[in-house]
Amino acid sequence: MPTQIETPEHLGDVVRQTRKALSLTQPQLALAAGVGVRFIVDLEAGKPTVRLENVLRVLQALGATLSVSSSEDSQTQVGPK
């Protein structure tokens, strides 16, 4: 089921929860996504200035996608593939 994401902190929480549900450590996720461990730490902490390109890599490594709906629907979703 899609999850509505409204803040960088919420995105970080969802990434952390998904990573833990997959029994991955931060270094394992970083390696799978081709990013640094520091990036995973920052993303999970809700840092608002992380690079979108790297966020998409992490989501792909977690088996998730990012979808953006119109303002009429007023939701941005991250959900499993």
PDB file of N, CA and C in Angstrom:
ATOM      1  N   MET A   1       0.852  -1.189   0.000  1.00  0.00           N
ATOM      2  CA  MET A   1       0.000   0.000   0.000  1.00  0.00           C
ATOM      3  C   MET A   1       0.888   1.239   0.000  1.00  0.00           C
ATOM      4  N   PRO A   2       0.588   2.226  -0.845  1.00  0.00           N
ATOM      5  CA  PRO A   2       1.396   3.441  -0.908  1.00  0.00           C
ATOM      6  C   PRO A   2       1.377   4.216   0.409  1.00  0.00           C
ATOM      7  N   THR A   3       2.470   4.886   0.675  1.00  0.00           N
ATOM      8  CA  THR A   3       2.607   5.702   1.875  1.00  0.00           C
ATOM      9  C   THR A   3       2.733   7.154   1.461  1.00  0.00           C
ATOM     10  N   GLN A   4       1.930   8.009   2.037  1.00  0.00           N
ATOM     11  CA  GLN A   4       2.009   9.435   1.735  1.00  0.00           C
ATOM     12  C   GLN A   4       3.178  10.038   2.506  1.00  0.00           C
ATOM     13  N   ILE A   5       4.062  10.721   1.772  1.00  0.00           N
ATOM     14  CA  ILE A   5       5.235  11.357   2.367  1.00  0.00           C
ATOM     15  C   ILE A   5       5.047  12.863   2.289  1.00  0.00           C
ATOM     16  N   GLU A   6       5.145  13.538   3.434  1.00  0.00           N
ATOM     17  CA  GLU A   6       4.944  14.983   3.448  1.00  0.00           C
ATOM     18  C   GLU A   6       6.147  15.772   3.934  1.00  0.00           C
ATOM     19  N   THR A   7       7.118  15.101   4.559  1.00  0.00           N
ATOM     20  CA  THR A   7       8.293  15.803   5.067  1.00  0.00           C
ATOM     21  C   THR A   7       9.545  14.961   4.829  1.00  0.00           C
ATOM     22  N   PRO A   8      10.705  15.593   4.810  1.00  0.00           N
ATOM     23  CA  PRO A   8      11.949  14.821   4.702  1.00  0.00           C
ATOM     24  C   PRO A   8      12.107  13.837   5.863  1.00  0.00           C
ATOM     25  N   GLU A   9      11.643  14.222   7.042  1.00  0.00           N
ATOM     26  CA  GLU A   9      11.740  13.347   8.207  1.00  0.00           C
ATOM     27  C   GLU A   9      10.903  12.082   8.022  1.00  0.00           C
ATOM     28  N   HIS A  10       9.717  12.245   7.450  1.00  0.00           N
ATOM     29  CA  HIS A  10       8.852  11.091   7.213  1.00  0.00           C
ATOM     30  C   HIS A  10       9.475  10.168   6.163  1.00  0.00           C
ATOM     31  N   LEU A  11      10.056  10.742   5.114  1.00  0.00           N
ATOM     32  CA  LEU A  11      10.750   9.928   4.116  1.00  0.00           C
ATOM     33  C   LEU A  11      11.863   9.132   4.783  1.00  0.00           C
ATOM     34  N   GLY A  12      12.627   9.778   5.650  1.00  0.00           N
ATOM     35  CA  GLY A  12      13.697   9.095   6.371  1.00  0.00           C
ATOM     36  C   GLY A  12      13.180   7.953   7.222  1.00  0.00           C
ATOM     37  N   ASP A  13      12.061   8.184   7.894  1.00  0.00           N
ATOM     38  CA  ASP A  13      11.452   7.133   8.720  1.00  0.00           C
ATOM     39  C   ASP A  13      11.032   5.944   7.867  1.00  0.00           C
ATOM     40  N   VAL A  14      10.426   6.212   6.720  1.00  0.00           N
ATOM     41  CA  VAL A  14       9.972   5.137   5.834  1.00  0.00           C
ATOM     42  C   VAL A  14      11.161   4.356   5.292  1.00  0.00           C
ATOM     43  N   VAL A  15      12.216   5.058   4.908  1.00  0.00           N
ATOM     44  CA  VAL A  15      13.419   4.379   4.415  1.00  0.00           C
ATOM     45  C   VAL A  15      14.001   3.497   5.521  1.00  0.00           C
ATOM     46  N   ARG A  16      14.117   4.024   6.724  1.00  0.00           N
ATOM     47  CA  ARG A  16      14.660   3.256   7.853  1.00  0.00           C
ATOM     48  C   ARG A  16      13.816   2.016   8.143  1.00  0.00           C
ATOM     49  N   GLN A  17      12.501   2.203   8.217  1.00  0.00           N
ATOM     50  CA  GLN A  17      11.599   1.079   8.498  1.00  0.00           C
ATOM     51  C   GLN A  17      11.695   0.008   7.417  1.00  0.00           C
ATOM     52  N   THR A  18      11.764   0.430   6.158  1.00  0.00           N
ATOM     53  CA  THR A  18      11.860  -0.521   5.052  1.00  0.00           C
ATOM     54  C   THR A  18      13.191  -1.252   5.089  1.00  0.00           C
ATOM     55  N   ARG A  19      14.262  -0.513   5.351  1.00  0.00           N
ATOM     56  CA  ARG A  19      15.600  -1.126   5.440  1.00  0.00           C
ATOM     57  C   ARG A  19      15.620  -2.183   6.537  1.00  0.00           C
ATOM     58  N   LYS A  20      15.078  -1.834   7.699  1.00  0.00           N
ATOM     59  CA  LYS A  20      15.074  -2.774   8.817  1.00  0.00           C
ATOM     60  C   LYS A  20      14.175  -3.979   8.533  1.00  0.00           C
ATOM     61  N   ALA A  21      13.050  -3.754   7.861  1.00  0.00           N
ATOM     62  CA  ALA A  21      12.153  -4.859   7.516  1.00  0.00           C
ATOM     63  C   ALA A  21      12.846  -5.846   6.573  1.00  0.00           C
ATOM     64  N   LEU A  22      13.788  -5.337   5.774  1.00  0.00           N
ATOM     65  CA  LEU A  22      14.555  -6.186   4.862  1.00  0.00           C
ATOM     66  C   LEU A  22      15.823  -6.730   5.521  1.00  0.00           C
ATOM     67  N   SER A  23      15.992  -6.450   6.808  1.00  0.00           N
ATOM     68  CA  SER A  23      17.165  -6.888   7.579  1.00  0.00           C
ATOM     69  C   SER A  23      18.478  -6.420   6.961  1.00  0.00           C
ATOM     70  N   LEU A  24      18.484  -5.163   6.514  1.00  0.00           N
ATOM     71  CA  LEU A  24      19.693  -4.574   5.947  1.00  0.00           C
ATOM     72  C   LEU A  24      20.292  -3.581   6.933  1.00  0.00           C
ATOM     73  N   THR A  25      21.614  -3.539   6.997  1.00  0.00           N
ATOM     74  CA  THR A  25      22.297  -2.509   7.767  1.00  0.00           C
ATOM     75  C   THR A  25      22.443  -1.275   6.873  1.00  0.00           C
ATOM     76  N   GLN A  26      22.777  -0.161   7.469  1.00  0.00           N
ATOM     77  CA  GLN A  26      23.017   1.043   6.667  1.00  0.00           C
ATOM     78  C   GLN A  26      24.153   0.818   5.671  1.00  0.00           C
ATOM     79  N   PRO A  27      25.280   0.197   6.072  1.00  0.00           N
ATOM     80  CA  PRO A  27      26.345  -0.058   5.087  1.00  0.00           C
ATOM     81  C   PRO A  27      25.899  -0.996   3.958  1.00  0.00           C
ATOM     82  N   GLN A  28      25.086  -1.984   4.268  1.00  0.00           N
ATOM     83  CA  GLN A  28      24.603  -2.890   3.221  1.00  0.00           C
ATOM     84  C   GLN A  28      23.710  -2.149   2.229  1.00  0.00           C
ATOM     85  N   LEU A  29      22.822  -1.297   2.726  1.00  0.00           N
ATOM     86  CA  LEU A  29      21.953  -0.521   1.848  1.00  0.00           C
ATOM     87  C   LEU A  29      22.775   0.450   1.011  1.00  0.00           C
ATOM     88  N   ALA A  30      23.742   1.100   1.627  1.00  0.00           N
ATOM     89  CA  ALA A  30      24.601   2.033   0.894  1.00  0.00           C
ATOM     90  C   ALA A  30      25.300   1.320  -0.260  1.00  0.00           C
ATOM     91  N   LEU A  31      25.835   0.145  -0.001  1.00  0.00           N
ATOM     92  CA  LEU A  31      26.526  -0.631  -1.038  1.00  0.00           C
ATOM     93  C   LEU A  31      25.550  -1.018  -2.152  1.00  0.00           C
ATOM     94  N   ALA A  32      24.370  -1.483  -1.786  1.00  0.00           N
ATOM     95  CA  ALA A  32      23.375  -1.899  -2.774  1.00  0.00           C
ATOM     96  C   ALA A  32      22.910  -0.733  -3.647  1.00  0.00           C
ATOM     97  N   ALA A  33      22.861   0.459  -3.056  1.00  0.00           N
ATOM     98  CA  ALA A  33      22.374   1.641  -3.772  1.00  0.00           C
ATOM     99  C   ALA A  33      23.490   2.411  -4.471  1.00  0.00           C
ATOM    100  N   GLY A  34      24.726   2.088  -4.165  1.00  0.00           N
ATOM    101  CA  GLY A  34      25.836   2.822  -4.769  1.00  0.00           C
ATOM    102  C   GLY A  34      26.011   4.217  -4.209  1.00  0.00           C
ATOM    103  N   VAL A  35      25.702   4.364  -2.933  1.00  0.00           N
ATOM    104  CA  VAL A  35      25.875   5.654  -2.250  1.00  0.00           C
ATOM    105  C   VAL A  35      26.724   5.417  -1.005  1.00  0.00           C
ATOM    106  N   GLY A  36      27.130   6.487  -0.360  1.00  0.00           N
ATOM    107  CA  GLY A  36      27.911   6.365   0.862  1.00  0.00           C
ATOM    108  C   GLY A  36      27.030   6.129   2.081  1.00  0.00           C
ATOM    109  N   VAL A  37      27.632   5.558   3.101  1.00  0.00           N
ATOM    110  CA  VAL A  37      26.904   5.327   4.349  1.00  0.00           C
ATOM    111  C   VAL A  37      26.413   6.658   4.924  1.00  0.00           C
ATOM    112  N   ARG A  38      27.228   7.699   4.806  1.00  0.00           N
ATOM    113  CA  ARG A  38      26.828   9.023   5.319  1.00  0.00           C
ATOM    114  C   ARG A  38      25.528   9.485   4.668  1.00  0.00           C
ATOM    115  N   PHE A  39      25.356   9.179   3.374  1.00  0.00           N
ATOM    116  CA  PHE A  39      24.127   9.566   2.684  1.00  0.00           C
ATOM    117  C   PHE A  39      22.925   8.857   3.319  1.00  0.00           C
ATOM    118  N   ILE A  40      23.064   7.565   3.611  1.00  0.00           N
ATOM    119  CA  ILE A  40      21.967   6.812   4.229  1.00  0.00           C
ATOM    120  C   ILE A  40      21.648   7.406   5.599  1.00  0.00           C
ATOM    121  N   VAL A  41      22.676   7.712   6.365  1.00  0.00           N
ATOM    122  CA  VAL A  41      22.480   8.318   7.690  1.00  0.00           C
ATOM    123  C   VAL A  41      21.716   9.639   7.550  1.00  0.00           C
ATOM    124  N   ASP A  42      22.146  10.483   6.612  1.00  0.00           N
ATOM    125  CA  ASP A  42      21.486  11.777   6.408  1.00  0.00           C
ATOM    126  C   ASP A  42      20.045  11.608   5.931  1.00  0.00           C
ATOM    127  N   LEU A  43      19.829  10.681   5.000  1.00  0.00           N
ATOM    128  CA  LEU A  43      18.480  10.442   4.483  1.00  0.00           C
ATOM    129  C   LEU A  43      17.550   9.971   5.592  1.00  0.00           C
ATOM    130  N   GLU A  44      18.003   9.011   6.376  1.00  0.00           N
ATOM    131  CA  GLU A  44      17.173   8.491   7.466  1.00  0.00           C
ATOM    132  C   GLU A  44      16.941   9.530   8.556  1.00  0.00           C
ATOM    133  N   ALA A  45      17.841  10.490   8.679  1.00  0.00           N
ATOM    134  CA  ALA A  45      17.683  11.559   9.671  1.00  0.00           C
ATOM    135  C   ALA A  45      16.748  12.664   9.176  1.00  0.00           C
ATOM    136  N   GLY A  46      16.333  12.577   7.905  1.00  0.00           N
ATOM    137  CA  GLY A  46      15.419  13.577   7.367  1.00  0.00           C
ATOM    138  C   GLY A  46      16.093  14.836   6.878  1.00  0.00           C
ATOM    139  N   LYS A  47      17.377  14.747   6.524  1.00  0.00           N
ATOM    140  CA  LYS A  47      18.083  15.924   6.014  1.00  0.00           C
ATOM    141  C   LYS A  47      17.384  16.406   4.745  1.00  0.00           C
ATOM    142  N   PRO A  48      16.971  17.669   4.694  1.00  0.00           N
ATOM    143  CA  PRO A  48      16.176  18.145   3.561  1.00  0.00           C
ATOM    144  C   PRO A  48      16.964  18.427   2.288  1.00  0.00           C
ATOM    145  N   THR A  49      18.287  18.368   2.331  1.00  0.00           N
ATOM    146  CA  THR A  49      19.080  18.741   1.159  1.00  0.00           C
ATOM    147  C   THR A  49      19.759  17.552   0.482  1.00  0.00           C
ATOM    148  N   VAL A  50      19.268  16.326   0.709  1.00  0.00           N
ATOM    149  CA  VAL A  50      19.871  15.165   0.050  1.00  0.00           C
ATOM    150  C   VAL A  50      19.570  15.210  -1.448  1.00  0.00           C
ATOM    151  N   ARG A  51      20.462  14.597  -2.234  1.00  0.00           N
ATOM    152  CA  ARG A  51      20.306  14.597  -3.692  1.00  0.00           C
ATOM    153  C   ARG A  51      19.214  13.634  -4.126  1.00  0.00           C
ATOM    154  N   LEU A  52      18.310  14.122  -4.939  1.00  0.00           N
ATOM    155  CA  LEU A  52      17.195  13.308  -5.428  1.00  0.00           C
ATOM    156  C   LEU A  52      17.702  12.080  -6.176  1.00  0.00           C
ATOM    157  N   GLU A  53      18.722  12.241  -6.970  1.00  0.00           N
ATOM    158  CA  GLU A  53      19.291  11.108  -7.717  1.00  0.00           C
ATOM    159  C   GLU A  53      19.647   9.960  -6.769  1.00  0.00           C
ATOM    160  N   ASN A  54      20.250  10.294  -5.657  1.00  0.00           N
ATOM    161  CA  ASN A  54      20.639   9.270  -4.688  1.00  0.00           C
ATOM    162  C   ASN A  54      19.444   8.717  -3.918  1.00  0.00           C
ATOM    163  N   VAL A  55      18.456   9.550  -3.650  1.00  0.00           N
ATOM    164  CA  VAL A  55      17.233   9.063  -3.010  1.00  0.00           C
ATOM    165  C   VAL A  55      16.595   8.002  -3.900  1.00  0.00           C
ATOM    166  N   LEU A  56      16.536   8.258  -5.198  1.00  0.00           N
ATOM    167  CA  LEU A  56      15.946   7.298  -6.124  1.00  0.00           C
ATOM    168  C   LEU A  56      16.748   6.002  -6.162  1.00  0.00           C
ATOM    169  N   ARG A  57      18.065   6.095  -6.073  1.00  0.00           N
ATOM    170  CA  ARG A  57      18.904   4.886  -6.019  1.00  0.00           C
ATOM    171  C   ARG A  57      18.585   4.052  -4.777  1.00  0.00           C
ATOM    172  N   VAL A  58      18.437   4.720  -3.653  1.00  0.00           N
ATOM    173  CA  VAL A  58      18.131   4.031  -2.402  1.00  0.00           C
ATOM    174  C   VAL A  58      16.757   3.374  -2.486  1.00  0.00           C
ATOM    175  N   LEU A  59      15.776   4.110  -2.984  1.00  0.00           N
ATOM    176  CA  LEU A  59      14.437   3.539  -3.111  1.00  0.00           C
ATOM    177  C   LEU A  59      14.449   2.315  -4.022  1.00  0.00           C
ATOM    178  N   GLN A  60      15.182   2.391  -5.117  1.00  0.00           N
ATOM    179  CA  GLN A  60      15.279   1.257  -6.030  1.00  0.00           C
ATOM    180  C   GLN A  60      15.921   0.060  -5.323  1.00  0.00           C
ATOM    181  N   ALA A  61      16.969   0.300  -4.568  1.00  0.00           N
ATOM    182  CA  ALA A  61      17.643  -0.778  -3.837  1.00  0.00           C
ATOM    183  C   ALA A  61      16.715  -1.418  -2.804  1.00  0.00           C
ATOM    184  N   LEU A  62      15.757  -0.645  -2.300  1.00  0.00           N
ATOM    185  CA  LEU A  62      14.785  -1.159  -1.332  1.00  0.00           C
ATOM    186  C   LEU A  62      13.582  -1.805  -2.014  1.00  0.00           C
ATOM    187  N   GLY A  63      13.533  -1.734  -3.344  1.00  0.00           N
ATOM    188  CA  GLY A  63      12.387  -2.280  -4.065  1.00  0.00           C
ATOM    189  C   GLY A  63      11.179  -1.367  -4.009  1.00  0.00           C
ATOM    190  N   ALA A  64      11.429  -0.067  -3.832  1.00  0.00           N
ATOM    191  CA  ALA A  64      10.340   0.912  -3.738  1.00  0.00           C
ATOM    192  C   ALA A  64      10.425   1.881  -4.911  1.00  0.00           C
ATOM    193  N   THR A  65       9.349   2.593  -5.139  1.00  0.00           N
ATOM    194  CA  THR A  65       9.307   3.610  -6.184  1.00  0.00           C
ATOM    195  C   THR A  65       8.781   4.916  -5.594  1.00  0.00           C
ATOM    196  N   LEU A  66       8.998   5.986  -6.324  1.00  0.00           N
ATOM    197  CA  LEU A  66       8.485   7.301  -5.930  1.00  0.00           C
ATOM    198  C   LEU A  66       7.442   7.698  -6.942  1.00  0.00           C
ATOM    199  N   SER A  67       6.256   8.070  -6.474  1.00  0.00           N
ATOM    200  CA  SER A  67       5.234   8.563  -7.368  1.00  0.00           C
ATOM    201  C   SER A  67       4.737   9.907  -6.878  1.00  0.00           C
ATOM    202  N   VAL A  68       4.495  10.775  -7.818  1.00  0.00           N
ATOM    203  CA  VAL A  68       3.984  12.103  -7.476  1.00  0.00           C
ATOM    204  C   VAL A  68       2.649  12.256  -8.176  1.00  0.00           C
ATOM    205  N   SER A  69       1.624  12.593  -7.424  1.00  0.00           N
ATOM    206  CA  SER A  69       0.312  12.792  -8.017  1.00  0.00           C
ATOM    207  C   SER A  69       0.034  14.282  -8.157  1.00  0.00           C
ATOM    208  N   SER A  70      -1.001  14.604  -8.899  1.00  0.00           N
ATOM    209  CA  SER A  70      -1.342  16.004  -9.145  1.00  0.00           C
ATOM    210  C   SER A  70      -1.724  16.720  -7.855  1.00  0.00           C
ATOM    211  N   SER A  71      -1.667  18.026  -7.900  1.00  0.00           N
ATOM    212  CA  SER A  71      -2.021  18.813  -6.718  1.00  0.00           C
ATOM    213  C   SER A  71      -3.480  18.613  -6.338  1.00  0.00           C
ATOM    214  N   GLU A  72      -4.296  18.199  -7.281  1.00  0.00           N
ATOM    215  CA  GLU A  72      -5.703  17.919  -6.968  1.00  0.00           C
ATOM    216  C   GLU A  72      -5.809  16.733  -6.020  1.00  0.00           C
ATOM    217  N   ASP A  73      -4.881  15.770  -6.187  1.00  0.00           N
ATOM    218  CA  ASP A  73      -4.860  14.628  -5.285  1.00  0.00           C
ATOM    219  C   ASP A  73      -4.113  14.975  -4.008  1.00  0.00           C
ATOM    220  N   SER A  74      -3.265  15.996  -4.071  1.00  0.00           N
ATOM    221  CA  SER A  74      -2.445  16.513  -2.973  1.00  0.00           C
ATOM    222  C   SER A  74      -1.729  15.429  -2.169  1.00  0.00           C
ATOM    223  N   GLN A  75      -1.019  14.553  -2.885  1.00  0.00           N
ATOM    224  CA  GLN A  75      -0.221  13.552  -2.180  1.00  0.00           C
ATOM    225  C   GLN A  75       0.980  13.152  -3.006  1.00  0.00           C
ATOM    226  N   THR A  76       2.063  12.889  -2.322  1.00  0.00           N
ATOM    227  CA  THR A  76       3.266  12.316  -2.911  1.00  0.00           C
ATOM    228  C   THR A  76       3.435  10.985  -2.225  1.00  0.00           C
ATOM    229  N   GLN A  77       3.673   9.931  -3.000  1.00  0.00           N
ATOM    230  CA  GLN A  77       3.682   8.614  -2.415  1.00  0.00           C
ATOM    231  C   GLN A  77       4.985   7.886  -2.666  1.00  0.00           C
ATOM    232  N   VAL A  78       5.380   7.083  -1.704  1.00  0.00           N
ATOM    233  CA  VAL A  78       6.458   6.124  -1.863  1.00  0.00           C
ATOM    234  C   VAL A  78       5.839   4.800  -1.486  1.00  0.00           C
ATOM    235  N   GLY A  79       5.954   3.837  -2.351  1.00  0.00           N
ATOM    236  CA  GLY A  79       5.369   2.544  -2.048  1.00  0.00           C
ATOM    237  C   GLY A  79       6.141   1.425  -2.683  1.00  0.00           C
ATOM    238  N   PRO A  80       5.859   0.217  -2.274  1.00  0.00           N
ATOM    239  CA  PRO A  80       6.560  -0.934  -2.834  1.00  0.00           C
ATOM    240  C   PRO A  80       6.221  -1.109  -4.303  1.00  0.00           C
ATOM    241  N   LYS A  81       7.149  -1.733  -5.028  1.00  0.00           N
ATOM    242  CA  LYS A  81       6.921  -2.015  -6.446  1.00  0.00           C
ATOM    243  C   LYS A  81       5.835  -3.037  -6.594  1.00  0.00           C
TER     244      LYS A  81
END
